[in-house]
Amino acid sequence: MVNEKLAELVKTSKPSVAVVGLGGAGCNITTWIAEKGMAGGKIIAANTDVNHLSTMSKADKLILLGEKLCKGHGCGGYPEMGSQATKENISEIKTELEGTNLVFLVAGLGGGTGTGAIPVVAEVTREVGALTIACVTIPFKIEQFRREKAREAIQALTESCDSTIVIDNSKLREVAGNLPLKEALAVANALVGAFVKNITETITQPSLINLDYADLRAVMERGGISSIGIGEGDGEERVTKAVSQALAVPLLDISDMSATYGVLIHIVGGEDMTLEEVAVTGELIMDKVPNTKRVIWGAKVDDQLTGRVRVMAVLTGVKSPFMEGQ
């Protein structure tokens, strides 16, 4: 009887997680996550382009946005049309997200569907009471018109989302500069996908050090704009290498790293990763952001990473020159 009660408590205490990919880039990211396999979360893909949705997207639920307005042809790069198309499906989206505690919204900004849809869906997630984390990519610096559309969408997102993690495609050349364009953009998909997958699994599945949902809320809730940094190291100083790389190349320019509101640290390593290495990772990152008291971390063992350590640091509540129009 006691065991049954405990099992029921464990079941009800696990947060319900949903990942929603919006537009072409968002659906590409959810496809990456689905192909890798994600335990503990529901994957939803939504787009106005029926061909892309049916042929490219792998998800638990596919939603064609704005069938009446766009007739399955996409919205031609117009965010206003993407917004209207999404409003056609608002009740369906709300039904899918009802009872969810944590929602990741993923999209590429600067085009039509993702840019127009994501603020609309963020309003829905706020209504259902879910902690909402948007993970978005913004266009290259030479695409000034598209970057301006992206900036406007992010400003709208900050009204509804708890935290908006921004990856600037222009920063990708610092982590994937030698790759062909298509492969470099696939790196962005993999970065967002890996972040969403790792956080979801570390919250819902047994890990070396589990992330607690309440702690995640404390760091992310009303966290504003966030930047993410990723580093990997091997050899004797692998932790130092990984942390240095993660903080040296955040994927969004930050005005002042020391003014960070909160920090989320996620560490993945092989079976040979030690608890000491996990602790040192946290200490090295905290040396860079000494003024924040809101710090959470999770650690996971991946037997494919033997000999290496991968560190992901999310800095929440940052000030960015991009958002100030610089």
C-alpha atoms as a PDB file:
ATOM      1  CA  MET A   1       0.000   0.000   0.000  1.00  0.00           C
ATOM      2  CA  VAL A   2       2.833   2.371   0.976  1.00  0.00           C
ATOM      3  CA  ASN A   3       4.745   1.442  -2.196  1.00  0.00           C
ATOM      4  CA  GLU A   4       1.673   2.094  -4.328  1.00  0.00           C
ATOM      5  CA  LYS A   5       1.183   5.491  -2.678  1.00  0.00           C
ATOM      6  CA  LEU A   6       4.845   6.392  -3.221  1.00  0.00           C
ATOM      7  CA  ALA A   7       4.649   5.314  -6.862  1.00  0.00           C
ATOM      8  CA  GLU A   8       1.571   7.502  -7.359  1.00  0.00           C
ATOM      9  CA  LEU A   9       3.300  10.472  -5.676  1.00  0.00           C
ATOM     10  CA  VAL A  10       6.371  10.036  -7.888  1.00  0.00           C
ATOM     11  CA  LYS A  11       4.132   9.954 -10.951  1.00  0.00           C
ATOM     12  CA  THR A  12       2.168  13.091 -10.031  1.00  0.00           C
ATOM     13  CA  SER A  13       5.243  15.042  -8.850  1.00  0.00           C
ATOM     14  CA  LYS A  14       7.042  14.747 -12.212  1.00  0.00           C
ATOM     15  CA  PRO A  15       6.544  17.935 -14.215  1.00  0.00           C
ATOM     16  CA  SER A  16       4.756  17.628 -17.546  1.00  0.00           C
ATOM     17  CA  VAL A  17       6.990  19.001 -20.328  1.00  0.00           C
ATOM     18  CA  ALA A  18       6.112  20.011 -23.906  1.00  0.00           C
ATOM     19  CA  VAL A  19       8.377  21.205 -26.724  1.00  0.00           C
ATOM     20  CA  VAL A  20       6.704  23.247 -29.468  1.00  0.00           C
ATOM     21  CA  GLY A  21       8.521  23.865 -32.764  1.00  0.00           C
ATOM     22  CA  LEU A  22       7.087  26.776 -34.759  1.00  0.00           C
ATOM     23  CA  GLY A  23       7.784  27.520 -38.441  1.00  0.00           C
ATOM     24  CA  GLY A  24      10.393  25.866 -40.654  1.00  0.00           C
ATOM     25  CA  ALA A  25      13.421  26.289 -38.363  1.00  0.00           C
ATOM     26  CA  GLY A  26      11.425  25.385 -35.239  1.00  0.00           C
ATOM     27  CA  CYS A  27      10.138  22.198 -36.861  1.00  0.00           C
ATOM     28  CA  ASN A  28      13.695  21.305 -37.958  1.00  0.00           C
ATOM     29  CA  ILE A  29      14.777  21.555 -34.316  1.00  0.00           C
ATOM     30  CA  THR A  30      11.904  19.381 -33.049  1.00  0.00           C
ATOM     31  CA  THR A  31      12.781  16.842 -35.775  1.00  0.00           C
ATOM     32  CA  TRP A  32      16.379  16.769 -34.467  1.00  0.00           C
ATOM     33  CA  ILE A  33      15.077  16.148 -30.933  1.00  0.00           C
ATOM     34  CA  ALA A  34      12.645  13.437 -32.070  1.00  0.00           C
ATOM     35  CA  GLU A  35      15.347  11.632 -34.069  1.00  0.00           C
ATOM     36  CA  LYS A  36      17.700  11.633 -31.074  1.00  0.00           C
ATOM     37  CA  GLY A  37      14.854  10.454 -28.823  1.00  0.00           C
ATOM     38  CA  MET A  38      13.697  12.440 -25.810  1.00  0.00           C
ATOM     39  CA  ALA A  39      12.372  10.825 -22.644  1.00  0.00           C
ATOM     40  CA  GLY A  40       9.850  12.663 -20.493  1.00  0.00           C
ATOM     41  CA  GLY A  41       8.386  15.264 -22.868  1.00  0.00           C
ATOM     42  CA  LYS A  42       5.799  15.684 -25.632  1.00  0.00           C
ATOM     43  CA  ILE A  43       6.975  17.103 -28.979  1.00  0.00           C
ATOM     44  CA  ILE A  44       4.647  19.317 -31.045  1.00  0.00           C
ATOM     45  CA  ALA A  45       5.487  20.701 -34.509  1.00  0.00           C
ATOM     46  CA  ALA A  46       3.417  23.507 -36.047  1.00  0.00           C
ATOM     47  CA  ASN A  47       3.850  25.239 -39.407  1.00  0.00           C
ATOM     48  CA  THR A  48       1.856  27.011 -42.128  1.00  0.00           C
ATOM     49  CA  ASP A  49       3.706  25.076 -44.867  1.00  0.00           C
ATOM     50  CA  VAL A  50       1.987  21.690 -45.191  1.00  0.00           C
ATOM     51  CA  ASN A  51       4.754  20.132 -47.339  1.00  0.00           C
ATOM     52  CA  HIS A  52       7.486  20.945 -44.840  1.00  0.00           C
ATOM     53  CA  LEU A  53       5.280  19.850 -41.948  1.00  0.00           C
ATOM     54  CA  SER A  54       4.391  16.477 -43.475  1.00  0.00           C
ATOM     55  CA  THR A  55       7.766  15.568 -44.974  1.00  0.00           C
ATOM     56  CA  MET A  56      10.305  17.098 -42.573  1.00  0.00           C
ATOM     57  CA  SER A  57       8.673  17.041 -39.158  1.00  0.00           C
ATOM     58  CA  LYS A  58       8.799  14.139 -36.749  1.00  0.00           C
ATOM     59  CA  ALA A  59       6.776  14.849 -33.629  1.00  0.00           C
ATOM     60  CA  ASP A  60       4.102  13.417 -31.346  1.00  0.00           C
ATOM     61  CA  LYS A  61       1.638  15.982 -32.742  1.00  0.00           C
ATOM     62  CA  LEU A  62       1.627  17.907 -36.045  1.00  0.00           C
ATOM     63  CA  ILE A  63      -0.452  21.093 -36.360  1.00  0.00           C
ATOM     64  CA  LEU A  64      -1.053  22.842 -39.695  1.00  0.00           C
ATOM     65  CA  LEU A  65      -1.414  26.517 -38.808  1.00  0.00           C
ATOM     66  CA  GLY A  66      -3.872  28.787 -40.615  1.00  0.00           C
ATOM     67  CA  GLU A  67      -5.346  26.322 -43.104  1.00  0.00           C
ATOM     68  CA  LYS A  68      -8.039  28.851 -44.107  1.00  0.00           C
ATOM     69  CA  LEU A  69      -5.663  31.806 -44.366  1.00  0.00           C
ATOM     70  CA  CYS A  70      -2.536  30.205 -45.861  1.00  0.00           C
ATOM     71  CA  LYS A  71      -4.053  27.085 -47.483  1.00  0.00           C
ATOM     72  CA  GLY A  72      -0.914  25.121 -46.602  1.00  0.00           C
ATOM     73  CA  HIS A  73       1.413  27.309 -48.709  1.00  0.00           C
ATOM     74  CA  GLY A  74       3.259  29.106 -45.887  1.00  0.00           C
ATOM     75  CA  CYS A  75       2.994  32.823 -45.156  1.00  0.00           C
ATOM     76  CA  GLY A  76       5.635  34.285 -47.474  1.00  0.00           C
ATOM     77  CA  GLY A  77       7.856  35.753 -44.772  1.00  0.00           C
ATOM     78  CA  TYR A  78       5.124  37.977 -43.294  1.00  0.00           C
ATOM     79  CA  PRO A  79       5.014  37.736 -39.465  1.00  0.00           C
ATOM     80  CA  GLU A  80       1.553  39.362 -39.367  1.00  0.00           C
ATOM     81  CA  MET A  81       0.216  36.472 -41.463  1.00  0.00           C
ATOM     82  CA  GLY A  82       2.031  33.970 -39.233  1.00  0.00           C
ATOM     83  CA  SER A  83       0.360  35.533 -36.213  1.00  0.00           C
ATOM     84  CA  GLN A  84      -3.130  35.434 -37.786  1.00  0.00           C
ATOM     85  CA  ALA A  85      -2.596  31.851 -38.960  1.00  0.00           C
ATOM     86  CA  THR A  86      -1.694  30.757 -35.437  1.00  0.00           C
ATOM     87  CA  LYS A  87      -4.805  32.410 -33.998  1.00  0.00           C
ATOM     88  CA  GLU A  88      -6.884  30.097 -36.231  1.00  0.00           C
ATOM     89  CA  ASN A  89      -5.550  27.137 -34.230  1.00  0.00           C
ATOM     90  CA  ILE A  90      -5.459  28.735 -30.792  1.00  0.00           C
ATOM     91  CA  SER A  91      -7.998  26.373 -29.165  1.00  0.00           C
ATOM     92  CA  GLU A  92      -6.209  23.273 -30.537  1.00  0.00           C
ATOM     93  CA  ILE A  93      -2.858  24.531 -29.233  1.00  0.00           C
ATOM     94  CA  LYS A  94      -4.359  25.318 -25.828  1.00  0.00           C
ATOM     95  CA  THR A  95      -5.879  21.826 -25.590  1.00  0.00           C
ATOM     96  CA  GLU A  96      -2.495  20.248 -26.355  1.00  0.00           C
ATOM     97  CA  LEU A  97      -0.748  22.314 -23.656  1.00  0.00           C
ATOM     98  CA  GLU A  98      -3.394  22.064 -20.922  1.00  0.00           C
ATOM     99  CA  GLY A  99      -1.907  20.664 -17.705  1.00  0.00           C
ATOM    100  CA  THR A 100       1.703  21.224 -18.836  1.00  0.00           C
ATOM    101  CA  ASN A 101       4.147  22.617 -16.248  1.00  0.00           C
ATOM    102  CA  LEU A 102       7.063  23.481 -18.539  1.00  0.00           C
ATOM    103  CA  VAL A 103       6.971  24.511 -22.209  1.00  0.00           C
ATOM    104  CA  PHE A 104       9.915  25.080 -24.547  1.00  0.00           C
ATOM    105  CA  LEU A 105       9.008  27.190 -27.598  1.00  0.00           C
ATOM    106  CA  VAL A 106      11.562  26.883 -30.398  1.00  0.00           C
ATOM    107  CA  ALA A 107      11.712  28.955 -33.589  1.00  0.00           C
ATOM    108  CA  GLY A 108      13.981  30.743 -36.008  1.00  0.00           C
ATOM    109  CA  LEU A 109      13.132  34.456 -36.031  1.00  0.00           C
ATOM    110  CA  GLY A 110      13.226  36.908 -38.935  1.00  0.00           C
ATOM    111  CA  GLY A 111      10.871  35.048 -41.275  1.00  0.00           C
ATOM    112  CA  GLY A 112       7.092  34.708 -41.258  1.00  0.00           C
ATOM    113  CA  THR A 113       5.611  31.733 -39.411  1.00  0.00           C
ATOM    114  CA  GLY A 114       8.003  31.350 -36.474  1.00  0.00           C
ATOM    115  CA  THR A 115       8.304  35.100 -35.923  1.00  0.00           C
ATOM    116  CA  GLY A 116       4.540  35.646 -35.990  1.00  0.00           C
ATOM    117  CA  ALA A 117       3.509  32.465 -34.195  1.00  0.00           C
ATOM    118  CA  ILE A 118       5.799  32.344 -31.176  1.00  0.00           C
ATOM    119  CA  PRO A 119       4.446  35.411 -29.292  1.00  0.00           C
ATOM    120  CA  VAL A 120       0.876  34.132 -29.840  1.00  0.00           C
ATOM    121  CA  VAL A 121       1.686  30.668 -28.447  1.00  0.00           C
ATOM    122  CA  ALA A 122       3.596  32.266 -25.544  1.00  0.00           C
ATOM    123  CA  GLU A 123       0.356  34.017 -24.536  1.00  0.00           C
ATOM    124  CA  VAL A 124      -1.364  30.604 -24.465  1.00  0.00           C
ATOM    125  CA  THR A 125       1.333  29.049 -22.283  1.00  0.00           C
ATOM    126  CA  ARG A 126       1.007  31.940 -19.848  1.00  0.00           C
ATOM    127  CA  GLU A 127      -2.753  31.329 -19.688  1.00  0.00           C
ATOM    128  CA  VAL A 128      -2.267  27.633 -18.838  1.00  0.00           C
ATOM    129  CA  GLY A 129       0.253  28.610 -16.126  1.00  0.00           C
ATOM    130  CA  ALA A 130       3.303  26.846 -17.586  1.00  0.00           C
ATOM    131  CA  LEU A 131       6.867  27.988 -17.040  1.00  0.00           C
ATOM    132  CA  THR A 132       7.741  29.097 -20.582  1.00  0.00           C
ATOM    133  CA  ILE A 133      11.245  29.128 -22.046  1.00  0.00           C
ATOM    134  CA  ALA A 134      11.625  30.368 -25.628  1.00  0.00           C
ATOM    135  CA  CYS A 135      14.715  29.189 -27.534  1.00  0.00           C
ATOM    136  CA  VAL A 136      15.161  31.251 -30.700  1.00  0.00           C
ATOM    137  CA  THR A 137      17.779  31.900 -33.358  1.00  0.00           C
ATOM    138  CA  ILE A 138      18.263  35.318 -34.992  1.00  0.00           C
ATOM    139  CA  PRO A 139      19.575  36.043 -38.526  1.00  0.00           C
ATOM    140  CA  PHE A 140      23.116  36.971 -39.542  1.00  0.00           C
ATOM    141  CA  LYS A 141      24.213  40.603 -39.104  1.00  0.00           C
ATOM    142  CA  ILE A 142      24.091  41.287 -42.840  1.00  0.00           C
ATOM    143  CA  GLU A 143      20.343  40.503 -42.807  1.00  0.00           C
ATOM    144  CA  GLN A 144      19.404  43.789 -41.163  1.00  0.00           C
ATOM    145  CA  PHE A 145      15.720  43.796 -42.158  1.00  0.00           C
ATOM    146  CA  ARG A 146      15.193  40.246 -40.879  1.00  0.00           C
ATOM    147  CA  ARG A 147      17.131  41.021 -37.678  1.00  0.00           C
ATOM    148  CA  GLU A 148      14.813  43.952 -37.007  1.00  0.00           C
ATOM    149  CA  LYS A 149      11.783  41.650 -37.344  1.00  0.00           C
ATOM    150  CA  ALA A 150      13.489  39.223 -34.958  1.00  0.00           C
ATOM    151  CA  ARG A 151      14.145  42.001 -32.416  1.00  0.00           C
ATOM    152  CA  GLU A 152      10.474  43.026 -32.459  1.00  0.00           C
ATOM    153  CA  ALA A 153       9.399  39.405 -31.905  1.00  0.00           C
ATOM    154  CA  ILE A 154      11.780  39.028 -28.948  1.00  0.00           C
ATOM    155  CA  GLN A 155      10.452  42.225 -27.372  1.00  0.00           C
ATOM    156  CA  ALA A 156       6.938  40.754 -27.633  1.00  0.00           C
ATOM    157  CA  LEU A 157       8.178  37.431 -26.212  1.00  0.00           C
ATOM    158  CA  THR A 158       9.639  39.048 -23.100  1.00  0.00           C
ATOM    159  CA  GLU A 159       6.095  40.130 -22.173  1.00  0.00           C
ATOM    160  CA  SER A 160       4.844  36.524 -22.018  1.00  0.00           C
ATOM    161  CA  CYS A 161       7.845  34.199 -21.647  1.00  0.00           C
ATOM    162  CA  ASP A 162       9.725  33.594 -18.432  1.00  0.00           C
ATOM    163  CA  SER A 163      13.020  33.431 -20.265  1.00  0.00           C
ATOM    164  CA  THR A 164      14.024  33.903 -23.906  1.00  0.00           C
ATOM    165  CA  ILE A 165      17.271  32.184 -24.882  1.00  0.00           C
ATOM    166  CA  VAL A 166      18.692  33.872 -27.992  1.00  0.00           C
ATOM    167  CA  ILE A 167      21.269  32.327 -30.336  1.00  0.00           C
ATOM    168  CA  ASP A 168      22.765  34.750 -32.858  1.00  0.00           C
ATOM    169  CA  ASN A 169      23.624  32.980 -36.138  1.00  0.00           C
ATOM    170  CA  SER A 170      26.491  35.466 -36.592  1.00  0.00           C
ATOM    171  CA  LYS A 171      28.161  33.969 -33.513  1.00  0.00           C
ATOM    172  CA  LEU A 172      28.040  30.480 -35.039  1.00  0.00           C
ATOM    173  CA  ARG A 173      31.214  31.147 -37.022  1.00  0.00           C
ATOM    174  CA  GLU A 174      33.068  31.208 -33.701  1.00  0.00           C
ATOM    175  CA  VAL A 175      31.971  27.618 -33.007  1.00  0.00           C
ATOM    176  CA  ALA A 176      31.382  26.335 -36.553  1.00  0.00           C
ATOM    177  CA  GLY A 177      33.127  28.874 -38.792  1.00  0.00           C
ATOM    178  CA  ASN A 178      34.824  26.356 -41.089  1.00  0.00           C
ATOM    179  CA  LEU A 179      31.695  24.386 -41.860  1.00  0.00           C
ATOM    180  CA  PRO A 180      29.590  24.892 -45.017  1.00  0.00           C
ATOM    181  CA  LEU A 181      26.547  27.134 -44.399  1.00  0.00           C
ATOM    182  CA  LYS A 182      23.998  24.308 -44.310  1.00  0.00           C
ATOM    183  CA  GLU A 183      26.076  22.349 -41.792  1.00  0.00           C
ATOM    184  CA  ALA A 184      26.718  25.472 -39.688  1.00  0.00           C
ATOM    185  CA  LEU A 185      22.980  26.133 -39.436  1.00  0.00           C
ATOM    186  CA  ALA A 186      22.479  22.484 -38.486  1.00  0.00           C
ATOM    187  CA  VAL A 187      24.842  23.196 -35.563  1.00  0.00           C
ATOM    188  CA  ALA A 188      22.365  25.837 -34.320  1.00  0.00           C
ATOM    189  CA  ASN A 189      19.546  23.272 -34.523  1.00  0.00           C
ATOM    190  CA  ALA A 190      21.678  20.796 -32.601  1.00  0.00           C
ATOM    191  CA  LEU A 191      22.581  23.374 -29.923  1.00  0.00           C
ATOM    192  CA  VAL A 192      18.947  24.277 -29.241  1.00  0.00           C
ATOM    193  CA  GLY A 193      17.867  20.649 -29.544  1.00  0.00           C
ATOM    194  CA  ALA A 194      20.546  19.418 -27.141  1.00  0.00           C
ATOM    195  CA  PHE A 195      19.656  22.108 -24.588  1.00  0.00           C
ATOM    196  CA  VAL A 196      15.937  21.244 -24.639  1.00  0.00           C
ATOM    197  CA  LYS A 197      16.565  17.479 -24.588  1.00  0.00           C
ATOM    198  CA  ASN A 198      19.133  17.641 -21.758  1.00  0.00           C
ATOM    199  CA  ILE A 199      17.046  19.904 -19.498  1.00  0.00           C
ATOM    200  CA  THR A 200      13.866  17.864 -20.076  1.00  0.00           C
ATOM    201  CA  GLU A 201      15.567  14.559 -19.318  1.00  0.00           C
ATOM    202  CA  THR A 202      17.466  15.901 -16.296  1.00  0.00           C
ATOM    203  CA  ILE A 203      14.175  17.130 -14.813  1.00  0.00           C
ATOM    204  CA  THR A 204      12.038  14.071 -15.606  1.00  0.00           C
ATOM    205  CA  GLN A 205      14.515  11.146 -15.595  1.00  0.00           C
ATOM    206  CA  PRO A 206      17.029   9.873 -13.013  1.00  0.00           C
ATOM    207  CA  SER A 207      20.391  11.601 -13.573  1.00  0.00           C
ATOM    208  CA  LEU A 208      23.711  11.920 -11.743  1.00  0.00           C
ATOM    209  CA  ILE A 209      22.463  15.254 -10.347  1.00  0.00           C
ATOM    210  CA  ASN A 210      18.828  15.989 -11.148  1.00  0.00           C
ATOM    211  CA  LEU A 211      17.539  19.463 -11.917  1.00  0.00           C
ATOM    212  CA  ASP A 212      14.638  20.369  -9.681  1.00  0.00           C
ATOM    213  CA  TYR A 213      11.640  21.968 -11.428  1.00  0.00           C
ATOM    214  CA  ALA A 214      11.126  24.466  -8.600  1.00  0.00           C
ATOM    215  CA  ASP A 215      14.775  25.553  -8.861  1.00  0.00           C
ATOM    216  CA  LEU A 216      14.462  25.886 -12.643  1.00  0.00           C
ATOM    217  CA  ARG A 217      11.461  28.150 -12.115  1.00  0.00           C
ATOM    218  CA  ALA A 218      13.420  30.265  -9.604  1.00  0.00           C
ATOM    219  CA  VAL A 219      16.210  30.905 -12.139  1.00  0.00           C
ATOM    220  CA  MET A 220      14.105  31.182 -15.303  1.00  0.00           C
ATOM    221  CA  GLU A 221      10.907  32.835 -14.090  1.00  0.00           C
ATOM    222  CA  ARG A 222      10.790  36.398 -15.391  1.00  0.00           C
ATOM    223  CA  GLY A 223      14.418  35.958 -16.413  1.00  0.00           C
ATOM    224  CA  GLY A 224      14.146  38.189 -19.501  1.00  0.00           C
ATOM    225  CA  ILE A 225      16.796  37.658 -22.202  1.00  0.00           C
ATOM    226  CA  SER A 226      19.196  34.739 -21.771  1.00  0.00           C
ATOM    227  CA  SER A 227      22.417  33.736 -23.466  1.00  0.00           C
ATOM    228  CA  ILE A 228      23.819  30.236 -23.774  1.00  0.00           C
ATOM    229  CA  GLY A 229      27.424  29.079 -23.971  1.00  0.00           C
ATOM    230  CA  ILE A 230      28.665  25.559 -24.743  1.00  0.00           C
ATOM    231  CA  GLY A 231      32.131  24.118 -24.282  1.00  0.00           C
ATOM    232  CA  GLU A 232      33.816  20.732 -24.458  1.00  0.00           C
ATOM    233  CA  GLY A 233      37.143  19.542 -23.118  1.00  0.00           C
ATOM    234  CA  ASP A 234      39.273  16.421 -22.884  1.00  0.00           C
ATOM    235  CA  GLY A 235      42.550  15.479 -21.233  1.00  0.00           C
ATOM    236  CA  GLU A 236      43.772  16.513 -17.785  1.00  0.00           C
ATOM    237  CA  GLU A 237      42.284  20.019 -17.726  1.00  0.00           C
ATOM    238  CA  ARG A 238      39.077  19.052 -19.508  1.00  0.00           C
ATOM    239  CA  VAL A 239      36.745  20.855 -17.077  1.00  0.00           C
ATOM    240  CA  THR A 240      38.729  24.113 -17.240  1.00  0.00           C
ATOM    241  CA  LYS A 241      38.838  23.893 -21.051  1.00  0.00           C
ATOM    242  CA  ALA A 242      35.085  23.256 -21.306  1.00  0.00           C
ATOM    243  CA  VAL A 243      34.120  26.105 -18.949  1.00  0.00           C
ATOM    244  CA  SER A 244      36.526  28.570 -20.617  1.00  0.00           C
ATOM    245  CA  GLN A 245      35.085  27.765 -24.037  1.00  0.00           C
ATOM    246  CA  ALA A 246      31.459  28.013 -22.815  1.00  0.00           C
ATOM    247  CA  LEU A 247      31.990  31.457 -21.271  1.00  0.00           C
ATOM    248  CA  ALA A 248      34.367  32.837 -23.911  1.00  0.00           C
ATOM    249  CA  VAL A 249      31.863  32.348 -26.734  1.00  0.00           C
ATOM    250  CA  PRO A 250      28.313  33.005 -25.516  1.00  0.00           C
ATOM    251  CA  LEU A 251      26.005  32.736 -28.534  1.00  0.00           C
ATOM    252  CA  LEU A 252      24.568  36.205 -27.943  1.00  0.00           C
ATOM    253  CA  ASP A 253      26.662  39.295 -27.212  1.00  0.00           C
ATOM    254  CA  ILE A 254      26.363  40.333 -23.543  1.00  0.00           C
ATOM    255  CA  SER A 255      27.033  43.865 -22.260  1.00  0.00           C
ATOM    256  CA  ASP A 256      28.161  42.798 -18.769  1.00  0.00           C
ATOM    257  CA  MET A 257      28.412  39.131 -17.793  1.00  0.00           C
ATOM    258  CA  SER A 258      28.812  39.953 -14.085  1.00  0.00           C
ATOM    259  CA  ALA A 259      25.294  41.477 -14.034  1.00  0.00           C
ATOM    260  CA  THR A 260      23.655  38.109 -14.826  1.00  0.00           C
ATOM    261  CA  TYR A 261      20.400  37.473 -12.917  1.00  0.00           C
ATOM    262  CA  GLY A 262      20.644  33.662 -12.761  1.00  0.00           C
ATOM    263  CA  VAL A 263      22.755  30.777 -14.040  1.00  0.00           C
ATOM    264  CA  LEU A 264      21.746  27.303 -15.162  1.00  0.00           C
ATOM    265  CA  ILE A 265      24.672  24.877 -15.503  1.00  0.00           C
ATOM    266  CA  HIS A 266      24.367  21.500 -17.211  1.00  0.00           C
ATOM    267  CA  ILE A 267      27.280  19.052 -17.322  1.00  0.00           C
ATOM    268  CA  VAL A 268      27.501  15.858 -19.363  1.00  0.00           C
ATOM    269  CA  GLY A 269      30.404  13.428 -19.202  1.00  0.00           C
ATOM    270  CA  GLY A 270      31.311   9.767 -19.552  1.00  0.00           C
ATOM    271  CA  GLU A 271      31.376   7.121 -16.825  1.00  0.00           C
ATOM    272  CA  ASP A 272      34.794   8.485 -15.796  1.00  0.00           C
ATOM    273  CA  MET A 273      33.420  11.934 -14.828  1.00  0.00           C
ATOM    274  CA  THR A 274      33.889  12.599 -11.101  1.00  0.00           C
ATOM    275  CA  LEU A 275      31.814  14.502  -8.581  1.00  0.00           C
ATOM    276  CA  GLU A 276      34.846  16.734  -8.003  1.00  0.00           C
ATOM    277  CA  GLU A 277      34.821  17.723 -11.686  1.00  0.00           C
ATOM    278  CA  VAL A 278      31.113  18.585 -11.465  1.00  0.00           C
ATOM    279  CA  ALA A 279      31.746  20.777  -8.399  1.00  0.00           C
ATOM    280  CA  VAL A 280      34.756  22.508  -9.999  1.00  0.00           C
ATOM    281  CA  THR A 281      32.662  23.300 -13.085  1.00  0.00           C
ATOM    282  CA  GLY A 282      30.170  25.198 -10.931  1.00  0.00           C
ATOM    283  CA  GLU A 283      32.919  27.030  -9.039  1.00  0.00           C
ATOM    284  CA  LEU A 284      34.684  28.152 -12.238  1.00  0.00           C
ATOM    285  CA  ILE A 285      31.453  29.533 -13.696  1.00  0.00           C
ATOM    286  CA  MET A 286      30.504  31.282 -10.444  1.00  0.00           C
ATOM    287  CA  ASP A 287      33.876  33.069 -10.430  1.00  0.00           C
ATOM    288  CA  LYS A 288      32.731  34.810 -13.633  1.00  0.00           C
ATOM    289  CA  VAL A 289      29.285  35.802 -12.285  1.00  0.00           C
ATOM    290  CA  PRO A 290      29.948  36.469  -8.583  1.00  0.00           C
ATOM    291  CA  ASN A 291      26.923  38.732  -8.072  1.00  0.00           C
ATOM    292  CA  THR A 292      24.201  36.190  -8.758  1.00  0.00           C
ATOM    293  CA  LYS A 293      22.756  34.001  -6.013  1.00  0.00           C
ATOM    294  CA  ARG A 294      20.354  32.120  -8.264  1.00  0.00           C
ATOM    295  CA  VAL A 295      22.335  29.137  -9.513  1.00  0.00           C
ATOM    296  CA  ILE A 296      21.113  25.639 -10.401  1.00  0.00           C
ATOM    297  CA  TRP A 297      22.832  22.715 -11.997  1.00  0.00           C
ATOM    298  CA  GLY A 298      22.282  19.248 -13.326  1.00  0.00           C
ATOM    299  CA  ALA A 299      24.716  16.542 -14.380  1.00  0.00           C
ATOM    300  CA  LYS A 300      24.211  13.538 -16.595  1.00  0.00           C
ATOM    301  CA  VAL A 301      26.336  10.556 -17.590  1.00  0.00           C
ATOM    302  CA  ASP A 302      26.578   9.694 -21.290  1.00  0.00           C
ATOM    303  CA  ASP A 303      28.761   6.677 -22.034  1.00  0.00           C
ATOM    304  CA  GLN A 304      29.508   8.054 -25.517  1.00  0.00           C
ATOM    305  CA  LEU A 305      31.455  10.921 -23.921  1.00  0.00           C
ATOM    306  CA  THR A 306      34.118   8.854 -22.155  1.00  0.00           C
ATOM    307  CA  GLY A 307      37.255  10.965 -21.723  1.00  0.00           C
ATOM    308  CA  ARG A 308      35.367  14.218 -22.411  1.00  0.00           C
ATOM    309  CA  VAL A 309      33.193  16.692 -20.547  1.00  0.00           C
ATOM    310  CA  ARG A 310      30.561  18.959 -22.130  1.00  0.00           C
ATOM    311  CA  VAL A 311      29.379  22.071 -20.270  1.00  0.00           C
ATOM    312  CA  MET A 312      26.320  24.167 -21.062  1.00  0.00           C
ATOM    313  CA  ALA A 313      25.846  27.462 -19.210  1.00  0.00           C
ATOM    314  CA  VAL A 314      22.666  29.526 -19.545  1.00  0.00           C
ATOM    315  CA  LEU A 315      22.971  33.097 -18.257  1.00  0.00           C
ATOM    316  CA  THR A 316      19.536  34.582 -17.572  1.00  0.00           C
ATOM    317  CA  GLY A 317      18.504  38.225 -17.250  1.00  0.00           C
ATOM    318  CA  VAL A 318      21.379  39.567 -19.360  1.00  0.00           C
ATOM    319  CA  LYS A 319      21.655  42.875 -21.189  1.00  0.00           C
ATOM    320  CA  SER A 320      22.493  42.520 -24.887  1.00  0.00           C
ATOM    321  CA  PRO A 321      23.643  45.132 -27.428  1.00  0.00           C
ATOM    322  CA  PHE A 322      21.378  43.380 -29.986  1.00  0.00           C
ATOM    323  CA  MET A 323      18.249  44.202 -27.994  1.00  0.00           C
ATOM    324  CA  GLU A 324      19.415  47.796 -27.618  1.00  0.00           C
ATOM    325  CA  GLY A 325      19.674  48.085 -31.411  1.00  0.00           C
ATOM    326  CA  GLN A 326      23.462  48.326 -31.446  1.00  0.00           C
END
